[in-house]
């Protein structure tokens, strides 16, 4: 099942988290910059793609640093166990746990 079917904005939220942890690929950065005018038109807010995501989601300005702090803590713990965390998996779990509606 495609994660973004029925909720394409979720991809922008995932990219927001990937950017915060320093793992947003360059090819995605270019695509997101190109999508910015469509986001401006759709949501009626101005700014970079990530600023628009933050406004739409009502994220506080401190959120990227907090996400990075959580990533760093988890990555250090994994490293101490001779393991690594996949940035995409971290992002999916983080977004699902923190930004998606909870099932009843």
C-alpha atoms as a PDB file:
ATOM      1  CA  UNK A   1       0.000   0.000   0.000  1.00  0.00           C
ATOM      2  CA  UNK A   2       1.370   3.379  -0.942  1.00  0.00           C
ATOM      3  CA  UNK A   3       1.848   5.565   2.111  1.00  0.00           C
ATOM      4  CA  UNK A   4       0.767   8.706   0.290  1.00  0.00           C
ATOM      5  CA  UNK A   5      -2.435   7.544  -1.443  1.00  0.00           C
ATOM      6  CA  UNK A   6      -5.216   9.817  -0.254  1.00  0.00           C
ATOM      7  CA  UNK A   7      -2.797  12.064   1.624  1.00  0.00           C
ATOM      8  CA  UNK A   8      -0.093  13.458  -0.682  1.00  0.00           C
ATOM      9  CA  UNK A   9       0.770  16.202   1.830  1.00  0.00           C
ATOM     10  CA  UNK A  10       2.166  13.451   4.044  1.00  0.00           C
ATOM     11  CA  UNK A  11       5.149  13.229   1.685  1.00  0.00           C
ATOM     12  CA  UNK A  12       5.961  16.861   2.462  1.00  0.00           C
ATOM     13  CA  UNK A  13       5.789  16.132   6.194  1.00  0.00           C
ATOM     14  CA  UNK A  14       8.134  13.168   5.721  1.00  0.00           C
ATOM     15  CA  UNK A  15      10.531  15.382   3.765  1.00  0.00           C
ATOM     16  CA  UNK A  16      10.354  17.984   6.538  1.00  0.00           C
ATOM     17  CA  UNK A  17      11.549  15.362   9.030  1.00  0.00           C
ATOM     18  CA  UNK A  18      14.218  14.060   6.649  1.00  0.00           C
ATOM     19  CA  UNK A  19      15.508  17.617   6.238  1.00  0.00           C
ATOM     20  CA  UNK A  20      15.553  18.119  10.012  1.00  0.00           C
ATOM     21  CA  UNK A  21      17.741  15.036  10.508  1.00  0.00           C
ATOM     22  CA  UNK A  22      20.011  15.916   7.596  1.00  0.00           C
ATOM     23  CA  UNK A  23      18.951  13.072   5.307  1.00  0.00           C
ATOM     24  CA  UNK A  24      16.888  14.757   2.612  1.00  0.00           C
ATOM     25  CA  UNK A  25      18.418  13.742  -0.708  1.00  0.00           C
ATOM     26  CA  UNK A  26      19.500  16.460  -3.124  1.00  0.00           C
ATOM     27  CA  UNK A  27      17.152  15.203  -5.844  1.00  0.00           C
ATOM     28  CA  UNK A  28      14.239  15.590  -3.447  1.00  0.00           C
ATOM     29  CA  UNK A  29      15.373  19.087  -2.463  1.00  0.00           C
ATOM     30  CA  UNK A  30      15.211  20.180  -6.095  1.00  0.00           C
ATOM     31  CA  UNK A  31      11.760  18.665  -6.577  1.00  0.00           C
ATOM     32  CA  UNK A  32      10.463  20.289  -3.412  1.00  0.00           C
ATOM     33  CA  UNK A  33      11.754  23.693  -4.496  1.00  0.00           C
ATOM     34  CA  UNK A  34       9.956  23.233  -7.812  1.00  0.00           C
ATOM     35  CA  UNK A  35       6.733  22.307  -5.977  1.00  0.00           C
ATOM     36  CA  UNK A  36       6.813  25.410  -3.781  1.00  0.00           C
ATOM     37  CA  UNK A  37       4.665  27.595  -6.099  1.00  0.00           C
ATOM     38  CA  UNK A  38       1.959  24.892  -6.094  1.00  0.00           C
ATOM     39  CA  UNK A  39       2.071  24.756  -2.292  1.00  0.00           C
ATOM     40  CA  UNK A  40       1.755  28.544  -2.123  1.00  0.00           C
ATOM     41  CA  UNK A  41      -1.271  28.392  -4.411  1.00  0.00           C
ATOM     42  CA  UNK A  42      -2.887  25.448  -2.614  1.00  0.00           C
ATOM     43  CA  UNK A  43      -2.404  26.605   0.977  1.00  0.00           C
ATOM     44  CA  UNK A  44      -2.358  30.371   0.514  1.00  0.00           C
ATOM     45  CA  UNK A  45       0.823  30.852   2.508  1.00  0.00           C
ATOM     46  CA  UNK A  46       4.206  32.074   1.352  1.00  0.00           C
ATOM     47  CA  UNK A  47       7.675  30.805   2.041  1.00  0.00           C
ATOM     48  CA  UNK A  48       9.924  27.887   1.256  1.00  0.00           C
ATOM     49  CA  UNK A  49       8.361  24.441   0.996  1.00  0.00           C
ATOM     50  CA  UNK A  50       9.413  23.567   4.559  1.00  0.00           C
ATOM     51  CA  UNK A  51       8.145  26.884   5.936  1.00  0.00           C
ATOM     52  CA  UNK A  52       4.793  26.178   4.277  1.00  0.00           C
ATOM     53  CA  UNK A  53       4.681  22.683   5.811  1.00  0.00           C
ATOM     54  CA  UNK A  54       5.443  24.190   9.219  1.00  0.00           C
ATOM     55  CA  UNK A  55       2.671  26.780   8.821  1.00  0.00           C
ATOM     56  CA  UNK A  56       0.081  24.288   7.570  1.00  0.00           C
ATOM     57  CA  UNK A  57       0.923  21.800  10.336  1.00  0.00           C
ATOM     58  CA  UNK A  58       1.313  24.563  12.948  1.00  0.00           C
ATOM     59  CA  UNK A  59       4.787  23.339  13.870  1.00  0.00           C
ATOM     60  CA  UNK A  60       6.724  25.480  16.330  1.00  0.00           C
ATOM     61  CA  UNK A  61       9.982  27.005  15.060  1.00  0.00           C
ATOM     62  CA  UNK A  62      11.928  24.796  17.465  1.00  0.00           C
ATOM     63  CA  UNK A  63      10.636  21.535  15.983  1.00  0.00           C
ATOM     64  CA  UNK A  64      13.463  20.823  13.506  1.00  0.00           C
ATOM     65  CA  UNK A  65      16.039  21.074  16.308  1.00  0.00           C
ATOM     66  CA  UNK A  66      13.930  18.808  18.536  1.00  0.00           C
ATOM     67  CA  UNK A  67      13.562  16.230  15.748  1.00  0.00           C
ATOM     68  CA  UNK A  68      17.341  16.351  15.174  1.00  0.00           C
ATOM     69  CA  UNK A  69      17.955  15.885  18.894  1.00  0.00           C
ATOM     70  CA  UNK A  70      15.733  12.780  18.932  1.00  0.00           C
ATOM     71  CA  UNK A  71      17.450  11.437  15.795  1.00  0.00           C
ATOM     72  CA  UNK A  72      20.919  12.014  17.261  1.00  0.00           C
ATOM     73  CA  UNK A  73      19.981  10.322  20.538  1.00  0.00           C
ATOM     74  CA  UNK A  74      18.527   7.285  18.763  1.00  0.00           C
ATOM     75  CA  UNK A  75      21.433   7.089  16.311  1.00  0.00           C
ATOM     76  CA  UNK A  76      23.964   7.200  19.161  1.00  0.00           C
ATOM     77  CA  UNK A  77      22.107   4.452  21.007  1.00  0.00           C
ATOM     78  CA  UNK A  78      21.982   2.298  17.875  1.00  0.00           C
ATOM     79  CA  UNK A  79      25.692   2.898  17.263  1.00  0.00           C
ATOM     80  CA  UNK A  80      26.482   1.764  20.807  1.00  0.00           C
ATOM     81  CA  UNK A  81      24.821  -1.525  19.836  1.00  0.00           C
ATOM     82  CA  UNK A  82      26.780  -1.697  16.547  1.00  0.00           C
ATOM     83  CA  UNK A  83      23.588  -0.968  14.645  1.00  0.00           C
ATOM     84  CA  UNK A  84      22.349   1.853  12.455  1.00  0.00           C
ATOM     85  CA  UNK A  85      18.998   3.534  12.043  1.00  0.00           C
ATOM     86  CA  UNK A  86      17.560   3.890   8.565  1.00  0.00           C
ATOM     87  CA  UNK A  87      16.539   7.551   8.078  1.00  0.00           C
ATOM     88  CA  UNK A  88      13.431   6.628   6.055  1.00  0.00           C
ATOM     89  CA  UNK A  89      12.247   4.149   8.703  1.00  0.00           C
ATOM     90  CA  UNK A  90      12.891   6.665  11.473  1.00  0.00           C
ATOM     91  CA  UNK A  91      10.935   9.282   9.525  1.00  0.00           C
ATOM     92  CA  UNK A  92       7.973   6.996   8.900  1.00  0.00           C
ATOM     93  CA  UNK A  93       7.757   5.986  12.559  1.00  0.00           C
ATOM     94  CA  UNK A  94       8.279   9.537  13.800  1.00  0.00           C
ATOM     95  CA  UNK A  95       5.611  11.022  11.540  1.00  0.00           C
ATOM     96  CA  UNK A  96       3.147   8.196  12.194  1.00  0.00           C
ATOM     97  CA  UNK A  97       3.564   8.462  15.965  1.00  0.00           C
ATOM     98  CA  UNK A  98       3.515  12.231  16.210  1.00  0.00           C
ATOM     99  CA  UNK A  99       1.500  13.721  13.371  1.00  0.00           C
ATOM    100  CA  UNK A 100      -1.086  11.222  12.156  1.00  0.00           C
ATOM    101  CA  UNK A 101      -4.484  10.858  13.811  1.00  0.00           C
ATOM    102  CA  UNK A 102      -4.626   8.004  16.276  1.00  0.00           C
ATOM    103  CA  UNK A 103      -6.959   5.111  15.491  1.00  0.00           C
ATOM    104  CA  UNK A 104      -9.784   4.536  17.928  1.00  0.00           C
END
